[in-house]
């Protein structure tokens, strides 16, 4: 897995999930309220970009973001890129008719952490 991309690509809107939508992120010490995350289906044999939008986490503060992928199942993580609050993962699928999971922890320099597991269906 590499932080540099072997090709020029920009994140695709339909495969982007805003972690907080139009709602501000939780204050320090408050547990966040969220729904399970699910990206759109992925065709078997495809390499596609999937993005988490964490810009709300960085709103109104001078902070930067890093991402740690803890685990992936049923897909291969080809590459990831963190840019201005967007974390984009390029995933490769192989086995059809299965659920894939991407387990990721986002961390800011000021040590705020968000752990999320995102599901997608390989068709």
C-alpha atoms as a PDB file:
ATOM      1  CA  UNK A   1       0.000   0.000   0.000  1.00  0.00           C
ATOM      2  CA  UNK A   2       1.323   3.380  -0.992  1.00  0.00           C
ATOM      3  CA  UNK A   3       0.510   7.015  -0.321  1.00  0.00           C
ATOM      4  CA  UNK A   4       1.436   7.957  -3.889  1.00  0.00           C
ATOM      5  CA  UNK A   5      -0.906   7.133  -6.703  1.00  0.00           C
ATOM      6  CA  UNK A   6       0.175   5.246  -9.824  1.00  0.00           C
ATOM      7  CA  UNK A   7      -2.312   7.286 -11.887  1.00  0.00           C
ATOM      8  CA  UNK A   8      -4.045  10.653 -11.904  1.00  0.00           C
ATOM      9  CA  UNK A   9      -7.447  10.448 -10.289  1.00  0.00           C
ATOM     10  CA  UNK A  10      -9.785  12.626  -8.287  1.00  0.00           C
ATOM     11  CA  UNK A  11     -12.453  11.411  -5.831  1.00  0.00           C
ATOM     12  CA  UNK A  12     -15.848  10.622  -7.308  1.00  0.00           C
ATOM     13  CA  UNK A  13     -18.834  12.260  -5.589  1.00  0.00           C
ATOM     14  CA  UNK A  14     -21.242   9.291  -5.473  1.00  0.00           C
ATOM     15  CA  UNK A  15     -18.620   7.219  -3.632  1.00  0.00           C
ATOM     16  CA  UNK A  16     -17.935   9.921  -1.027  1.00  0.00           C
ATOM     17  CA  UNK A  17     -19.407   9.742   2.489  1.00  0.00           C
ATOM     18  CA  UNK A  18     -19.538  12.892   4.626  1.00  0.00           C
ATOM     19  CA  UNK A  19     -18.921  11.734   8.169  1.00  0.00           C
ATOM     20  CA  UNK A  20     -21.139  14.405   9.717  1.00  0.00           C
ATOM     21  CA  UNK A  21     -23.129  15.753   6.786  1.00  0.00           C
ATOM     22  CA  UNK A  22     -24.360  19.219   7.655  1.00  0.00           C
ATOM     23  CA  UNK A  23     -24.128  18.543  11.393  1.00  0.00           C
ATOM     24  CA  UNK A  24     -21.057  19.733  13.271  1.00  0.00           C
ATOM     25  CA  UNK A  25     -18.762  17.045  14.676  1.00  0.00           C
ATOM     26  CA  UNK A  26     -19.115  16.200  18.355  1.00  0.00           C
ATOM     27  CA  UNK A  27     -17.374  18.378  20.921  1.00  0.00           C
ATOM     28  CA  UNK A  28     -14.492  16.915  22.851  1.00  0.00           C
ATOM     29  CA  UNK A  29     -15.696  14.460  25.440  1.00  0.00           C
ATOM     30  CA  UNK A  30     -19.077  13.921  23.762  1.00  0.00           C
ATOM     31  CA  UNK A  31     -19.823  10.590  22.124  1.00  0.00           C
ATOM     32  CA  UNK A  32     -20.745  10.973  18.451  1.00  0.00           C
ATOM     33  CA  UNK A  33     -24.074   9.775  17.112  1.00  0.00           C
ATOM     34  CA  UNK A  34     -23.914   8.160  13.680  1.00  0.00           C
ATOM     35  CA  UNK A  35     -25.508   5.665  11.384  1.00  0.00           C
ATOM     36  CA  UNK A  36     -23.662   2.687   9.895  1.00  0.00           C
ATOM     37  CA  UNK A  37     -21.653   3.698   6.837  1.00  0.00           C
ATOM     38  CA  UNK A  38     -22.070   2.039   3.460  1.00  0.00           C
ATOM     39  CA  UNK A  39     -20.435   2.908   0.147  1.00  0.00           C
ATOM     40  CA  UNK A  40     -22.171   2.073  -3.154  1.00  0.00           C
ATOM     41  CA  UNK A  41     -21.689  -1.425  -4.578  1.00  0.00           C
ATOM     42  CA  UNK A  42     -18.451  -2.307  -6.352  1.00  0.00           C
ATOM     43  CA  UNK A  43     -18.296  -4.583  -9.414  1.00  0.00           C
ATOM     44  CA  UNK A  44     -15.990  -7.608  -9.066  1.00  0.00           C
ATOM     45  CA  UNK A  45     -12.634  -7.028 -10.761  1.00  0.00           C
ATOM     46  CA  UNK A  46     -12.891  -3.231 -10.497  1.00  0.00           C
ATOM     47  CA  UNK A  47     -10.464  -0.705  -9.033  1.00  0.00           C
ATOM     48  CA  UNK A  48     -12.456   2.235  -7.688  1.00  0.00           C
ATOM     49  CA  UNK A  49     -11.939   5.185  -5.377  1.00  0.00           C
ATOM     50  CA  UNK A  50     -13.999   5.528  -2.197  1.00  0.00           C
ATOM     51  CA  UNK A  51     -13.766   8.626   0.006  1.00  0.00           C
ATOM     52  CA  UNK A  52     -14.522   9.649   3.573  1.00  0.00           C
ATOM     53  CA  UNK A  53     -15.126  13.389   3.940  1.00  0.00           C
ATOM     54  CA  UNK A  54     -13.901  14.526   7.363  1.00  0.00           C
ATOM     55  CA  UNK A  55     -13.761  18.248   6.588  1.00  0.00           C
ATOM     56  CA  UNK A  56     -16.276  18.946   9.380  1.00  0.00           C
ATOM     57  CA  UNK A  57     -13.770  17.492  11.847  1.00  0.00           C
ATOM     58  CA  UNK A  58     -11.248  20.127  10.762  1.00  0.00           C
ATOM     59  CA  UNK A  59     -13.672  23.065  10.484  1.00  0.00           C
ATOM     60  CA  UNK A  60     -12.578  26.274  12.209  1.00  0.00           C
ATOM     61  CA  UNK A  61      -9.342  24.797  13.543  1.00  0.00           C
ATOM     62  CA  UNK A  62      -5.788  24.729  12.268  1.00  0.00           C
ATOM     63  CA  UNK A  63      -5.325  20.972  12.220  1.00  0.00           C
ATOM     64  CA  UNK A  64      -4.371  18.251   9.775  1.00  0.00           C
ATOM     65  CA  UNK A  65      -5.622  14.727   9.328  1.00  0.00           C
ATOM     66  CA  UNK A  66      -4.002  11.333   8.936  1.00  0.00           C
ATOM     67  CA  UNK A  67      -5.635   7.977   8.309  1.00  0.00           C
ATOM     68  CA  UNK A  68      -4.700   4.511   9.479  1.00  0.00           C
ATOM     69  CA  UNK A  69      -6.343   1.536   7.836  1.00  0.00           C
ATOM     70  CA  UNK A  70      -6.705  -1.070  10.558  1.00  0.00           C
ATOM     71  CA  UNK A  71      -8.100  -3.840   8.388  1.00  0.00           C
ATOM     72  CA  UNK A  72      -9.772  -4.550   5.052  1.00  0.00           C
ATOM     73  CA  UNK A  73     -11.745  -7.669   4.166  1.00  0.00           C
ATOM     74  CA  UNK A  74     -12.712  -9.022   0.729  1.00  0.00           C
ATOM     75  CA  UNK A  75     -10.993  -6.143  -1.130  1.00  0.00           C
ATOM     76  CA  UNK A  76      -7.382  -5.052  -1.544  1.00  0.00           C
ATOM     77  CA  UNK A  77      -6.278  -1.554  -0.556  1.00  0.00           C
ATOM     78  CA  UNK A  78      -4.174  -0.355  -3.490  1.00  0.00           C
ATOM     79  CA  UNK A  79      -3.518   3.155  -2.231  1.00  0.00           C
ATOM     80  CA  UNK A  80      -4.817   5.916   0.006  1.00  0.00           C
ATOM     81  CA  UNK A  81      -4.494   9.679  -0.054  1.00  0.00           C
ATOM     82  CA  UNK A  82      -5.354  12.325   2.547  1.00  0.00           C
ATOM     83  CA  UNK A  83      -6.055  15.784   1.116  1.00  0.00           C
ATOM     84  CA  UNK A  84      -7.723  18.711   2.903  1.00  0.00           C
ATOM     85  CA  UNK A  85      -9.966  16.555   5.086  1.00  0.00           C
ATOM     86  CA  UNK A  86     -10.789  13.995   2.396  1.00  0.00           C
ATOM     87  CA  UNK A  87      -9.437  10.475   2.772  1.00  0.00           C
ATOM     88  CA  UNK A  88      -9.595   8.560  -0.494  1.00  0.00           C
ATOM     89  CA  UNK A  89      -9.009   4.820  -0.735  1.00  0.00           C
ATOM     90  CA  UNK A  90      -8.422   3.023  -4.036  1.00  0.00           C
ATOM     91  CA  UNK A  91      -9.821  -0.469  -3.610  1.00  0.00           C
ATOM     92  CA  UNK A  92      -9.489  -3.536  -5.835  1.00  0.00           C
ATOM     93  CA  UNK A  93     -12.190  -6.195  -5.722  1.00  0.00           C
ATOM     94  CA  UNK A  94     -11.930  -9.781  -6.863  1.00  0.00           C
ATOM     95  CA  UNK A  95     -14.510 -12.075  -5.270  1.00  0.00           C
ATOM     96  CA  UNK A  96     -18.102 -11.376  -6.364  1.00  0.00           C
ATOM     97  CA  UNK A  97     -21.158 -11.599  -4.127  1.00  0.00           C
ATOM     98  CA  UNK A  98     -19.525 -10.690  -0.830  1.00  0.00           C
ATOM     99  CA  UNK A  99     -19.492  -7.844   1.652  1.00  0.00           C
ATOM    100  CA  UNK A 100     -16.256  -5.925   2.068  1.00  0.00           C
ATOM    101  CA  UNK A 101     -15.278  -3.918   5.116  1.00  0.00           C
ATOM    102  CA  UNK A 102     -12.773  -1.089   5.488  1.00  0.00           C
ATOM    103  CA  UNK A 103     -11.826  -0.395   9.115  1.00  0.00           C
ATOM    104  CA  UNK A 104     -10.140   3.001   9.438  1.00  0.00           C
ATOM    105  CA  UNK A 105      -9.055   5.380  12.183  1.00  0.00           C
ATOM    106  CA  UNK A 106      -8.790   9.079  11.353  1.00  0.00           C
ATOM    107  CA  UNK A 107      -6.519  11.095  13.648  1.00  0.00           C
ATOM    108  CA  UNK A 108      -5.819  14.815  13.775  1.00  0.00           C
ATOM    109  CA  UNK A 109      -2.506  16.305  14.850  1.00  0.00           C
ATOM    110  CA  UNK A 110      -4.291  17.526  17.999  1.00  0.00           C
ATOM    111  CA  UNK A 111      -5.075  13.824  18.705  1.00  0.00           C
ATOM    112  CA  UNK A 112      -8.817  13.817  17.991  1.00  0.00           C
ATOM    113  CA  UNK A 113      -9.720  10.335  16.727  1.00  0.00           C
ATOM    114  CA  UNK A 114     -12.597   8.905  14.790  1.00  0.00           C
ATOM    115  CA  UNK A 115     -12.859   5.165  14.230  1.00  0.00           C
ATOM    116  CA  UNK A 116     -15.237   4.000  11.512  1.00  0.00           C
ATOM    117  CA  UNK A 117     -15.977   0.779   9.676  1.00  0.00           C
ATOM    118  CA  UNK A 118     -17.405   1.200   6.185  1.00  0.00           C
ATOM    119  CA  UNK A 119     -19.165  -1.607   4.347  1.00  0.00           C
ATOM    120  CA  UNK A 120     -19.580  -2.103   0.629  1.00  0.00           C
ATOM    121  CA  UNK A 121     -21.005  -4.925  -1.468  1.00  0.00           C
ATOM    122  CA  UNK A 122     -18.917  -6.531  -4.209  1.00  0.00           C
ATOM    123  CA  UNK A 123     -21.323  -7.594  -6.972  1.00  0.00           C
END
